[in-house]
Amino acid sequence: MWRALSERWLVRGVLALTLVAVAYFLVKGIFSIMEAVEAGSQEEALREQLEAVKARYQALEAVRNYMESDEFIEAMARQYLGLVGPGEVGIVVVAPTPAPTPEIPGPWWEAVVP
């Protein structure tokens, strides 16, 4: 009788441990799947950011190449330094000197009230 009772407890114990182990692995698997899905969405967001950075880099590279071109250097020399090319005539515009500003009298009531 004691033997049958102890075997019963042993079977129940093994069954309980098995259920706990199965539950643990199920929960662990579910969390692993959730982490994988989250990592996938993060990867997609990072890929989009990488594409945006690549496009920005290409635009900046094009600007840099233009700024190193002879065309840009000539345009800046003409615009900011006033340089002219061979066979061209440069014109310098001199602004007239401004007339002195008249002295502004005080408030109008000072002329009326002694």
PDB file of N, CA and C in Angstrom:
ATOM      1  N   MET A   1       0.795  -1.175   0.000  1.00  0.00           N
ATOM      2  CA  MET A   1       0.000   0.000   0.000  1.00  0.00           C
ATOM      3  C   MET A   1       0.862   1.273   0.000  1.00  0.00           C
ATOM      4  N   TRP A   2       1.864   1.300   0.883  1.00  0.00           N
ATOM      5  CA  TRP A   2       2.752   2.467   0.893  1.00  0.00           C
ATOM      6  C   TRP A   2       3.521   2.580  -0.417  1.00  0.00           C
ATOM      7  N   ARG A   3       3.785   1.424  -0.952  1.00  0.00           N
ATOM      8  CA  ARG A   3       4.525   1.428  -2.211  1.00  0.00           C
ATOM      9  C   ARG A   3       3.673   2.008  -3.341  1.00  0.00           C
ATOM     10  N   ALA A   4       2.433   1.639  -3.412  1.00  0.00           N
ATOM     11  CA  ALA A   4       1.523   2.151  -4.434  1.00  0.00           C
ATOM     12  C   ALA A   4       1.331   3.651  -4.246  1.00  0.00           C
ATOM     13  N   LEU A   5       1.231   4.105  -3.012  1.00  0.00           N
ATOM     14  CA  LEU A   5       1.060   5.517  -2.717  1.00  0.00           C
ATOM     15  C   LEU A   5       2.305   6.325  -3.113  1.00  0.00           C
ATOM     16  N   SER A   6       3.469   5.777  -2.822  1.00  0.00           N
ATOM     17  CA  SER A   6       4.703   6.480  -3.177  1.00  0.00           C
ATOM     18  C   SER A   6       4.909   6.505  -4.696  1.00  0.00           C
ATOM     19  N   GLU A   7       4.507   5.436  -5.382  1.00  0.00           N
ATOM     20  CA  GLU A   7       4.603   5.437  -6.846  1.00  0.00           C
ATOM     21  C   GLU A   7       3.667   6.475  -7.451  1.00  0.00           C
ATOM     22  N   ARG A   8       2.492   6.602  -6.836  1.00  0.00           N
ATOM     23  CA  ARG A   8       1.544   7.593  -7.296  1.00  0.00           C
ATOM     24  C   ARG A   8       2.119   9.010  -7.160  1.00  0.00           C
ATOM     25  N   TRP A   9       2.722   9.295  -6.002  1.00  0.00           N
ATOM     26  CA  TRP A   9       3.329  10.604  -5.776  1.00  0.00           C
ATOM     27  C   TRP A   9       4.507  10.835  -6.723  1.00  0.00           C
ATOM     28  N   LEU A  10       5.234   9.794  -6.983  1.00  0.00           N
ATOM     29  CA  LEU A  10       6.364   9.900  -7.903  1.00  0.00           C
ATOM     30  C   LEU A  10       5.874  10.225  -9.312  1.00  0.00           C
ATOM     31  N   VAL A  11       4.836   9.552  -9.760  1.00  0.00           N
ATOM     32  CA  VAL A  11       4.275   9.808 -11.085  1.00  0.00           C
ATOM     33  C   VAL A  11       3.736  11.242 -11.161  1.00  0.00           C
ATOM     34  N   ARG A  12       3.021  11.660 -10.129  1.00  0.00           N
ATOM     35  CA  ARG A  12       2.476  13.011 -10.099  1.00  0.00           C
ATOM     36  C   ARG A  12       3.608  14.051 -10.086  1.00  0.00           C
ATOM     37  N   GLY A  13       4.654  13.781  -9.355  1.00  0.00           N
ATOM     38  CA  GLY A  13       5.789  14.702  -9.297  1.00  0.00           C
ATOM     39  C   GLY A  13       6.476  14.833 -10.650  1.00  0.00           C
ATOM     40  N   VAL A  14       6.706  13.693 -11.292  1.00  0.00           N
ATOM     41  CA  VAL A  14       7.334  13.712 -12.619  1.00  0.00           C
ATOM     42  C   VAL A  14       6.422  14.425 -13.613  1.00  0.00           C
ATOM     43  N   LEU A  15       5.135  14.174 -13.536  1.00  0.00           N
ATOM     44  CA  LEU A  15       4.179  14.827 -14.423  1.00  0.00           C
ATOM     45  C   LEU A  15       4.172  16.342 -14.173  1.00  0.00           C
ATOM     46  N   ALA A  16       4.206  16.758 -12.907  1.00  0.00           N
ATOM     47  CA  ALA A  16       4.223  18.192 -12.586  1.00  0.00           C
ATOM     48  C   ALA A  16       5.503  18.844 -13.101  1.00  0.00           C
ATOM     49  N   LEU A  17       6.637  18.195 -12.901  1.00  0.00           N
ATOM     50  CA  LEU A  17       7.901  18.739 -13.405  1.00  0.00           C
ATOM     51  C   LEU A  17       7.893  18.831 -14.924  1.00  0.00           C
ATOM     52  N   THR A  18       7.313  17.837 -15.574  1.00  0.00           N
ATOM     53  CA  THR A  18       7.221  17.850 -17.029  1.00  0.00           C
ATOM     54  C   THR A  18       6.354  19.012 -17.501  1.00  0.00           C
ATOM     55  N   LEU A  19       5.227  19.228 -16.826  1.00  0.00           N
ATOM     56  CA  LEU A  19       4.347  20.339 -17.191  1.00  0.00           C
ATOM     57  C   LEU A  19       5.045  21.688 -16.982  1.00  0.00           C
ATOM     58  N   VAL A  20       5.787  21.815 -15.890  1.00  0.00           N
ATOM     59  CA  VAL A  20       6.522  23.050 -15.635  1.00  0.00           C
ATOM     60  C   VAL A  20       7.572  23.278 -16.719  1.00  0.00           C
ATOM     61  N   ALA A  21       8.286  22.227 -17.095  1.00  0.00           N
ATOM     62  CA  ALA A  21       9.313  22.351 -18.125  1.00  0.00           C
ATOM     63  C   ALA A  21       8.692  22.731 -19.470  1.00  0.00           C
ATOM     64  N   VAL A  22       7.585  22.117 -19.822  1.00  0.00           N
ATOM     65  CA  VAL A  22       6.912  22.426 -21.086  1.00  0.00           C
ATOM     66  C   VAL A  22       6.422  23.877 -21.071  1.00  0.00           C
ATOM     67  N   ALA A  23       5.825  24.302 -19.966  1.00  0.00           N
ATOM     68  CA  ALA A  23       5.347  25.683 -19.860  1.00  0.00           C
ATOM     69  C   ALA A  23       6.517  26.656 -19.980  1.00  0.00           C
ATOM     70  N   TYR A  24       7.649  26.350 -19.338  1.00  0.00           N
ATOM     71  CA  TYR A  24       8.821  27.204 -19.412  1.00  0.00           C
ATOM     72  C   TYR A  24       9.294  27.352 -20.856  1.00  0.00           C
ATOM     73  N   PHE A  25       9.410  26.242 -21.563  1.00  0.00           N
ATOM     74  CA  PHE A  25       9.896  26.301 -22.941  1.00  0.00           C
ATOM     75  C   PHE A  25       8.894  26.994 -23.869  1.00  0.00           C
ATOM     76  N   LEU A  26       7.599  26.846 -23.614  1.00  0.00           N
ATOM     77  CA  LEU A  26       6.603  27.559 -24.417  1.00  0.00           C
ATOM     78  C   LEU A  26       6.717  29.077 -24.217  1.00  0.00           C
ATOM     79  N   VAL A  27       6.807  29.484 -22.958  1.00  0.00           N
ATOM     80  CA  VAL A  27       6.935  30.916 -22.672  1.00  0.00           C
ATOM     81  C   VAL A  27       8.236  31.447 -23.255  1.00  0.00           C
ATOM     82  N   LYS A  28       9.314  30.729 -23.069  1.00  0.00           N
ATOM     83  CA  LYS A  28      10.617  31.136 -23.603  1.00  0.00           C
ATOM     84  C   LYS A  28      10.554  31.257 -25.133  1.00  0.00           C
ATOM     85  N   GLY A  29       9.888  30.331 -25.788  1.00  0.00           N
ATOM     86  CA  GLY A  29       9.747  30.374 -27.248  1.00  0.00           C
ATOM     87  C   GLY A  29       8.926  31.563 -27.704  1.00  0.00           C
ATOM     88  N   ILE A  30       7.848  31.857 -26.983  1.00  0.00           N
ATOM     89  CA  ILE A  30       7.009  32.995 -27.344  1.00  0.00           C
ATOM     90  C   ILE A  30       7.804  34.291 -27.227  1.00  0.00           C
ATOM     91  N   PHE A  31       8.568  34.442 -26.134  1.00  0.00           N
ATOM     92  CA  PHE A  31       9.378  35.652 -25.974  1.00  0.00           C
ATOM     93  C   PHE A  31      10.462  35.746 -27.044  1.00  0.00           C
ATOM     94  N   SER A  32      11.023  34.613 -27.432  1.00  0.00           N
ATOM     95  CA  SER A  32      12.035  34.623 -28.499  1.00  0.00           C
ATOM     96  C   SER A  32      11.431  35.074 -29.821  1.00  0.00           C
ATOM     97  N   ILE A  33      10.223  34.625 -30.112  1.00  0.00           N
ATOM     98  CA  ILE A  33       9.543  35.023 -31.340  1.00  0.00           C
ATOM     99  C   ILE A  33       9.245  36.523 -31.311  1.00  0.00           C
ATOM    100  N   MET A  34       8.797  37.030 -30.158  1.00  0.00           N
ATOM    101  CA  MET A  34       8.503  38.459 -30.036  1.00  0.00           C
ATOM    102  C   MET A  34       9.772  39.290 -30.215  1.00  0.00           C
ATOM    103  N   GLU A  35      10.879  38.847 -29.675  1.00  0.00           N
ATOM    104  CA  GLU A  35      12.150  39.563 -29.840  1.00  0.00           C
ATOM    105  C   GLU A  35      12.588  39.559 -31.300  1.00  0.00           C
ATOM    106  N   ALA A  36      12.382  38.445 -31.987  1.00  0.00           N
ATOM    107  CA  ALA A  36      12.764  38.361 -33.396  1.00  0.00           C
ATOM    108  C   ALA A  36      11.924  39.313 -34.251  1.00  0.00           C
ATOM    109  N   VAL A  37      10.636  39.406 -33.953  1.00  0.00           N
ATOM    110  CA  VAL A  37       9.760  40.313 -34.705  1.00  0.00           C
ATOM    111  C   VAL A  37      10.187  41.757 -34.451  1.00  0.00           C
ATOM    112  N   GLU A  38      10.480  42.094 -33.201  1.00  0.00           N
ATOM    113  CA  GLU A  38      10.914  43.458 -32.872  1.00  0.00           C
ATOM    114  C   GLU A  38      12.251  43.776 -33.550  1.00  0.00           C
ATOM    115  N   ALA A  39      13.159  42.825 -33.552  1.00  0.00           N
ATOM    116  CA  ALA A  39      14.447  43.037 -34.212  1.00  0.00           C
ATOM    117  C   ALA A  39      14.253  43.246 -35.717  1.00  0.00           C
ATOM    118  N   GLY A  40      13.309  42.534 -36.297  1.00  0.00           N
ATOM    119  CA  GLY A  40      13.026  42.705 -37.719  1.00  0.00           C
ATOM    120  C   GLY A  40      12.497  44.089 -38.032  1.00  0.00           C
ATOM    121  N   SER A  41      11.619  44.605 -37.187  1.00  0.00           N
ATOM    122  CA  SER A  41      11.091  45.953 -37.425  1.00  0.00           C
ATOM    123  C   SER A  41      12.177  46.999 -37.207  1.00  0.00           C
ATOM    124  N   GLN A  42      13.040  46.794 -36.223  1.00  0.00           N
ATOM    125  CA  GLN A  42      14.152  47.718 -36.013  1.00  0.00           C
ATOM    126  C   GLN A  42      15.111  47.681 -37.200  1.00  0.00           C
ATOM    127  N   GLU A  43      15.324  46.504 -37.738  1.00  0.00           N
ATOM    128  CA  GLU A  43      16.210  46.371 -38.894  1.00  0.00           C
ATOM    129  C   GLU A  43      15.641  47.140 -40.087  1.00  0.00           C
ATOM    130  N   GLU A  44      14.345  47.046 -40.291  1.00  0.00           N
ATOM    131  CA  GLU A  44      13.711  47.756 -41.407  1.00  0.00           C
ATOM    132  C   GLU A  44      13.848  49.271 -41.222  1.00  0.00           C
ATOM    133  N   ALA A  45      13.643  49.757 -39.998  1.00  0.00           N
ATOM    134  CA  ALA A  45      13.781  51.196 -39.734  1.00  0.00           C
ATOM    135  C   ALA A  45      15.224  51.644 -39.967  1.00  0.00           C
ATOM    136  N   LEU A  46      16.172  50.829 -39.559  1.00  0.00           N
ATOM    137  CA  LEU A  46      17.574  51.176 -39.770  1.00  0.00           C
ATOM    138  C   LEU A  46      17.939  51.160 -41.252  1.00  0.00           C
ATOM    139  N   ARG A  47      17.375  50.249 -42.000  1.00  0.00           N
ATOM    140  CA  ARG A  47      17.627  50.225 -43.445  1.00  0.00           C
ATOM    141  C   ARG A  47      17.088  51.498 -44.109  1.00  0.00           C
ATOM    142  N   GLU A  48      15.899  51.951 -43.678  1.00  0.00           N
ATOM    143  CA  GLU A  48      15.334  53.182 -44.234  1.00  0.00           C
ATOM    144  C   GLU A  48      16.217  54.375 -43.887  1.00  0.00           C
ATOM    145  N   GLN A  49      16.711  54.424 -42.652  1.00  0.00           N
ATOM    146  CA  GLN A  49      17.608  55.509 -42.269  1.00  0.00           C
ATOM    147  C   GLN A  49      18.893  55.471 -43.085  1.00  0.00           C
ATOM    148  N   LEU A  50      19.400  54.276 -43.329  1.00  0.00           N
ATOM    149  CA  LEU A  50      20.621  54.136 -44.117  1.00  0.00           C
ATOM    150  C   LEU A  50      20.406  54.649 -45.539  1.00  0.00           C
ATOM    151  N   GLU A  51      19.267  54.339 -46.126  1.00  0.00           N
ATOM    152  CA  GLU A  51      18.977  54.825 -47.481  1.00  0.00           C
ATOM    153  C   GLU A  51      18.887  56.350 -47.502  1.00  0.00           C
ATOM    154  N   ALA A  52      18.275  56.936 -46.468  1.00  0.00           N
ATOM    155  CA  ALA A  52      18.178  58.398 -46.400  1.00  0.00           C
ATOM    156  C   ALA A  52      19.568  59.023 -46.266  1.00  0.00           C
ATOM    157  N   VAL A  53      20.417  58.413 -45.467  1.00  0.00           N
ATOM    158  CA  VAL A  53      21.776  58.939 -45.294  1.00  0.00           C
ATOM    159  C   VAL A  53      22.562  58.805 -46.592  1.00  0.00           C
ATOM    160  N   LYS A  54      22.381  57.705 -47.306  1.00  0.00           N
ATOM    161  CA  LYS A  54      23.069  57.527 -48.586  1.00  0.00           C
ATOM    162  C   LYS A  54      22.631  58.587 -49.593  1.00  0.00           C
ATOM    163  N   ALA A  55      21.323  58.864 -49.632  1.00  0.00           N
ATOM    164  CA  ALA A  55      20.821  59.884 -50.564  1.00  0.00           C
ATOM    165  C   ALA A  55      21.381  61.249 -50.196  1.00  0.00           C
ATOM    166  N   ARG A  56      21.418  61.568 -48.913  1.00  0.00           N
ATOM    167  CA  ARG A  56      21.971  62.855 -48.459  1.00  0.00           C
ATOM    168  C   ARG A  56      23.459  62.939 -48.809  1.00  0.00           C
ATOM    169  N   TYR A  57      24.175  61.843 -48.641  1.00  0.00           N
ATOM    170  CA  TYR A  57      25.607  61.817 -48.974  1.00  0.00           C
ATOM    171  C   TYR A  57      25.823  62.069 -50.467  1.00  0.00           C
ATOM    172  N   GLN A  58      25.006  61.445 -51.295  1.00  0.00           N
ATOM    173  CA  GLN A  58      25.146  61.635 -52.736  1.00  0.00           C
ATOM    174  C   GLN A  58      24.860  63.083 -53.124  1.00  0.00           C
ATOM    175  N   ALA A  59      23.854  63.695 -52.483  1.00  0.00           N
ATOM    176  CA  ALA A  59      23.546  65.099 -52.783  1.00  0.00           C
ATOM    177  C   ALA A  59      24.711  65.998 -52.366  1.00  0.00           C
ATOM    178  N   LEU A  60      25.269  65.747 -51.191  1.00  0.00           N
ATOM    179  CA  LEU A  60      26.397  66.556 -50.734  1.00  0.00           C
ATOM    180  C   LEU A  60      27.636  66.330 -51.595  1.00  0.00           C
ATOM    181  N   GLU A  61      27.815  65.126 -52.054  1.00  0.00           N
ATOM    182  CA  GLU A  61      28.944  64.815 -52.953  1.00  0.00           C
ATOM    183  C   GLU A  61      28.801  65.577 -54.269  1.00  0.00           C
ATOM    184  N   ALA A  62      27.570  65.671 -54.784  1.00  0.00           N
ATOM    185  CA  ALA A  62      27.337  66.422 -56.022  1.00  0.00           C
ATOM    186  C   ALA A  62      27.626  67.909 -55.810  1.00  0.00           C
ATOM    187  N   VAL A  63      27.216  68.442 -54.654  1.00  0.00           N
ATOM    188  CA  VAL A  63      27.496  69.850 -54.361  1.00  0.00           C
ATOM    189  C   VAL A  63      28.997  70.081 -54.262  1.00  0.00           C
ATOM    190  N   ARG A  64      29.693  69.176 -53.597  1.00  0.00           N
ATOM    191  CA  ARG A  64      31.147  69.311 -53.458  1.00  0.00           C
ATOM    192  C   ARG A  64      31.822  69.270 -54.826  1.00  0.00           C
ATOM    193  N   ASN A  65      31.398  68.366 -55.675  1.00  0.00           N
ATOM    194  CA  ASN A  65      31.983  68.278 -57.020  1.00  0.00           C
ATOM    195  C   ASN A  65      31.727  69.553 -57.808  1.00  0.00           C
ATOM    196  N   TYR A  66      30.527  70.123 -57.673  1.00  0.00           N
ATOM    197  CA  TYR A  66      30.234  71.378 -58.378  1.00  0.00           C
ATOM    198  C   TYR A  66      31.099  72.508 -57.838  1.00  0.00           C
ATOM    199  N   MET A  67      31.278  72.568 -56.516  1.00  0.00           N
ATOM    200  CA  MET A  67      32.068  73.640 -55.930  1.00  0.00           C
ATOM    201  C   MET A  67      33.549  73.529 -56.291  1.00  0.00           C
ATOM    202  N   GLU A  68      34.000  72.360 -56.681  1.00  0.00           N
ATOM    203  CA  GLU A  68      35.381  72.190 -57.118  1.00  0.00           C
ATOM    204  C   GLU A  68      35.544  72.448 -58.618  1.00  0.00           C
ATOM    205  N   SER A  69      34.434  72.661 -59.328  1.00  0.00           N
ATOM    206  CA  SER A  69      34.510  72.854 -60.783  1.00  0.00           C
ATOM    207  C   SER A  69      34.984  74.259 -61.129  1.00  0.00           C
ATOM    208  N   ASP A  70      35.552  74.392 -62.325  1.00  0.00           N
ATOM    209  CA  ASP A  70      36.009  75.692 -62.819  1.00  0.00           C
ATOM    210  C   ASP A  70      34.848  76.659 -62.990  1.00  0.00           C
ATOM    211  N   GLU A  71      33.697  76.131 -63.364  1.00  0.00           N
ATOM    212  CA  GLU A  71      32.510  76.968 -63.568  1.00  0.00           C
ATOM    213  C   GLU A  71      32.124  77.683 -62.269  1.00  0.00           C
ATOM    214  N   PHE A  72      32.115  76.961 -61.170  1.00  0.00           N
ATOM    215  CA  PHE A  72      31.751  77.557 -59.881  1.00  0.00           C
ATOM    216  C   PHE A  72      32.802  78.569 -59.427  1.00  0.00           C
ATOM    217  N   ILE A  73      34.059  78.225 -59.585  1.00  0.00           N
ATOM    218  CA  ILE A  73      35.130  79.125 -59.158  1.00  0.00           C
ATOM    219  C   ILE A  73      35.075  80.425 -59.952  1.00  0.00           C
ATOM    220  N   GLU A  74      34.827  80.331 -61.244  1.00  0.00           N
ATOM    221  CA  GLU A  74      34.714  81.530 -62.071  1.00  0.00           C
ATOM    222  C   GLU A  74      33.507  82.373 -61.651  1.00  0.00           C
ATOM    223  N   ALA A  75      32.396  81.738 -61.384  1.00  0.00           N
ATOM    224  CA  ALA A  75      31.197  82.477 -60.970  1.00  0.00           C
ATOM    225  C   ALA A  75      31.433  83.201 -59.655  1.00  0.00           C
ATOM    226  N   MET A  76      32.097  82.566 -58.716  1.00  0.00           N
ATOM    227  CA  MET A  76      32.371  83.206 -57.426  1.00  0.00           C
ATOM    228  C   MET A  76      33.374  84.357 -57.586  1.00  0.00           C
ATOM    229  N   ALA A  77      34.357  84.190 -58.467  1.00  0.00           N
ATOM    230  CA  ALA A  77      35.332  85.250 -58.705  1.00  0.00           C
ATOM    231  C   ALA A  77      34.652  86.457 -59.330  1.00  0.00           C
ATOM    232  N   ARG A  78      33.724  86.240 -60.225  1.00  0.00           N
ATOM    233  CA  ARG A  78      33.000  87.352 -60.847  1.00  0.00           C
ATOM    234  C   ARG A  78      32.080  88.033 -59.826  1.00  0.00           C
ATOM    235  N   GLN A  79      31.366  87.247 -59.056  1.00  0.00           N
ATOM    236  CA  GLN A  79      30.358  87.790 -58.156  1.00  0.00           C
ATOM    237  C   GLN A  79      30.974  88.500 -56.956  1.00  0.00           C
ATOM    238  N   TYR A  80      31.934  87.888 -56.295  1.00  0.00           N
ATOM    239  CA  TYR A  80      32.437  88.434 -55.041  1.00  0.00           C
ATOM    240  C   TYR A  80      33.729  89.243 -55.188  1.00  0.00           C
ATOM    241  N   LEU A  81      34.527  88.934 -56.179  1.00  0.00           N
ATOM    242  CA  LEU A  81      35.789  89.646 -56.332  1.00  0.00           C
ATOM    243  C   LEU A  81      35.760  90.680 -57.450  1.00  0.00           C
ATOM    244  N   GLY A  82      34.711  90.638 -58.270  1.00  0.00           N
ATOM    245  CA  GLY A  82      34.586  91.616 -59.345  1.00  0.00           C
ATOM    246  C   GLY A  82      35.556  91.366 -60.485  1.00  0.00           C
ATOM    247  N   LEU A  83      36.051  90.173 -60.628  1.00  0.00           N
ATOM    248  CA  LEU A  83      36.995  89.869 -61.701  1.00  0.00           C
ATOM    249  C   LEU A  83      36.264  89.749 -63.030  1.00  0.00           C
ATOM    250  N   VAL A  84      36.961  90.069 -64.115  1.00  0.00           N
ATOM    251  CA  VAL A  84      36.403  89.960 -65.460  1.00  0.00           C
ATOM    252  C   VAL A  84      37.306  89.059 -66.288  1.00  0.00           C
ATOM    253  N   GLY A  85      36.730  88.491 -67.330  1.00  0.00           N
ATOM    254  CA  GLY A  85      37.481  87.610 -68.195  1.00  0.00           C
ATOM    255  C   GLY A  85      38.233  88.392 -69.259  1.00  0.00           C
ATOM    256  N   PRO A  86      39.124  87.715 -69.999  1.00  0.00           N
ATOM    257  CA  PRO A  86      39.858  88.390 -71.069  1.00  0.00           C
ATOM    258  C   PRO A  86      38.890  88.907 -72.133  1.00  0.00           C
ATOM    259  N   GLY A  87      39.106  90.153 -72.568  1.00  0.00           N
ATOM    260  CA  GLY A  87      38.261  90.749 -73.592  1.00  0.00           C
ATOM    261  C   GLY A  87      36.991  91.371 -73.040  1.00  0.00           C
ATOM    262  N   GLU A  88      36.738  91.288 -71.759  1.00  0.00           N
ATOM    263  CA  GLU A  88      35.550  91.888 -71.156  1.00  0.00           C
ATOM    264  C   GLU A  88      35.937  93.225 -70.519  1.00  0.00           C
ATOM    265  N   VAL A  89      34.960  94.074 -70.394  1.00  0.00           N
ATOM    266  CA  VAL A  89      35.191  95.374 -69.775  1.00  0.00           C
ATOM    267  C   VAL A  89      34.476  95.393 -68.438  1.00  0.00           C
ATOM    268  N   GLY A  90      35.217  95.729 -67.388  1.00  0.00           N
ATOM    269  CA  GLY A  90      34.618  95.803 -66.065  1.00  0.00           C
ATOM    270  C   GLY A  90      34.087  97.195 -65.794  1.00  0.00           C
ATOM    271  N   ILE A  91      32.974  97.286 -65.138  1.00  0.00           N
ATOM    272  CA  ILE A  91      32.366  98.570 -64.805  1.00  0.00           C
ATOM    273  C   ILE A  91      32.246  98.637 -63.291  1.00  0.00           C
ATOM    274  N   VAL A  92      32.687  99.777 -62.741  1.00  0.00           N
ATOM    275  CA  VAL A  92      32.581  99.987 -61.307  1.00  0.00           C
ATOM    276  C   VAL A  92      31.563 101.088 -61.085  1.00  0.00           C
ATOM    277  N   VAL A  93      30.550 100.810 -60.322  1.00  0.00           N
ATOM    278  CA  VAL A  93      29.512 101.792 -60.022  1.00  0.00           C
ATOM    279  C   VAL A  93      29.846 102.411 -58.678  1.00  0.00           C
ATOM    280  N   VAL A  94      29.968 103.748 -58.688  1.00  0.00           N
ATOM    281  CA  VAL A  94      30.272 104.462 -57.455  1.00  0.00           C
ATOM    282  C   VAL A  94      29.004 105.173 -57.010  1.00  0.00           C
ATOM    283  N   ALA A  95      28.582 104.913 -55.806  1.00  0.00           N
ATOM    284  CA  ALA A  95      27.372 105.534 -55.278  1.00  0.00           C
ATOM    285  C   ALA A  95      27.677 106.972 -54.871  1.00  0.00           C
ATOM    286  N   PRO A  96      26.755 107.891 -55.102  1.00  0.00           N
ATOM    287  CA  PRO A  96      26.989 109.275 -54.684  1.00  0.00           C
ATOM    288  C   PRO A  96      27.028 109.357 -53.159  1.00  0.00           C
ATOM    289  N   THR A  97      27.742 110.375 -52.684  1.00  0.00           N
ATOM    290  CA  THR A  97      27.804 110.546 -51.237  1.00  0.00           C
ATOM    291  C   THR A  97      26.447 111.048 -50.755  1.00  0.00           C
ATOM    292  N   PRO A  98      25.952 110.503 -49.695  1.00  0.00           N
ATOM    293  CA  PRO A  98      24.626 110.913 -49.226  1.00  0.00           C
ATOM    294  C   PRO A  98      24.673 112.326 -48.645  1.00  0.00           C
ATOM    295  N   ALA A  99      23.589 113.041 -48.814  1.00  0.00           N
ATOM    296  CA  ALA A  99      23.478 114.396 -48.261  1.00  0.00           C
ATOM    297  C   ALA A  99      23.349 114.294 -46.747  1.00  0.00           C
ATOM    298  N   PRO A 100      23.869 115.271 -46.026  1.00  0.00           N
ATOM    299  CA  PRO A 100      23.745 115.192 -44.568  1.00  0.00           C
ATOM    300  C   PRO A 100      22.279 115.276 -44.153  1.00  0.00           C
ATOM    301  N   THR A 101      21.943 114.556 -43.154  1.00  0.00           N
ATOM    302  CA  THR A 101      20.559 114.551 -42.687  1.00  0.00           C
ATOM    303  C   THR A 101      20.306 115.821 -41.880  1.00  0.00           C
ATOM    304  N   PRO A 102      19.182 116.461 -42.111  1.00  0.00           N
ATOM    305  CA  PRO A 102      18.885 117.682 -41.366  1.00  0.00           C
ATOM    306  C   PRO A 102      18.633 117.361 -39.891  1.00  0.00           C
ATOM    307  N   GLU A 103      18.933 118.337 -39.071  1.00  0.00           N
ATOM    308  CA  GLU A 103      18.732 118.137 -37.642  1.00  0.00           C
ATOM    309  C   GLU A 103      17.243 118.157 -37.360  1.00  0.00           C
ATOM    310  N   ILE A 104      16.798 117.204 -36.630  1.00  0.00           N
ATOM    311  CA  ILE A 104      15.377 117.084 -36.329  1.00  0.00           C
ATOM    312  C   ILE A 104      15.086 117.911 -35.077  1.00  0.00           C
ATOM    313  N   PRO A 105      14.134 118.838 -35.203  1.00  0.00           N
ATOM    314  CA  PRO A 105      13.806 119.640 -34.021  1.00  0.00           C
ATOM    315  C   PRO A 105      13.118 118.794 -32.958  1.00  0.00           C
ATOM    316  N   GLY A 106      13.015 119.342 -31.772  1.00  0.00           N
ATOM    317  CA  GLY A 106      12.361 118.636 -30.668  1.00  0.00           C
ATOM    318  C   GLY A 106      10.880 118.489 -30.932  1.00  0.00           C
ATOM    319  N   PRO A 107      10.145 118.095 -29.934  1.00  0.00           N
ATOM    320  CA  PRO A 107       8.696 117.921 -30.093  1.00  0.00           C
ATOM    321  C   PRO A 107       8.023 119.249 -30.449  1.00  0.00           C
ATOM    322  N   TRP A 108       6.924 119.185 -31.158  1.00  0.00           N
ATOM    323  CA  TRP A 108       6.235 120.364 -31.676  1.00  0.00           C
ATOM    324  C   TRP A 108       5.751 121.290 -30.572  1.00  0.00           C
ATOM    325  N   TRP A 109       5.435 120.753 -29.412  1.00  0.00           N
ATOM    326  CA  TRP A 109       4.884 121.612 -28.356  1.00  0.00           C
ATOM    327  C   TRP A 109       5.932 122.525 -27.736  1.00  0.00           C
ATOM    328  N   GLU A 110       7.211 122.175 -27.916  1.00  0.00           N
ATOM    329  CA  GLU A 110       8.247 123.060 -27.394  1.00  0.00           C
ATOM    330  C   GLU A 110       8.282 124.383 -28.163  1.00  0.00           C
ATOM    331  N   ALA A 111       7.897 124.350 -29.441  1.00  0.00           N
ATOM    332  CA  ALA A 111       7.845 125.590 -30.230  1.00  0.00           C
ATOM    333  C   ALA A 111       6.629 126.429 -29.872  1.00  0.00           C
ATOM    334  N   VAL A 112       5.571 125.827 -29.398  1.00  0.00           N
ATOM    335  CA  VAL A 112       4.331 126.525 -29.106  1.00  0.00           C
ATOM    336  C   VAL A 112       4.316 127.038 -27.660  1.00  0.00           C
ATOM    337  N   VAL A 113       4.753 126.238 -26.739  1.00  0.00           N
ATOM    338  CA  VAL A 113       4.730 126.582 -25.318  1.00  0.00           C
ATOM    339  C   VAL A 113       6.090 127.120 -24.933  1.00  0.00           C
ATOM    340  N   PRO A 114       6.141 128.407 -24.382  1.00  0.00           N
ATOM    341  CA  PRO A 114       7.446 128.981 -24.009  1.00  0.00           C
ATOM    342  C   PRO A 114       8.065 128.326 -22.804  1.00  0.00           C
TER     343      PRO A 114
END
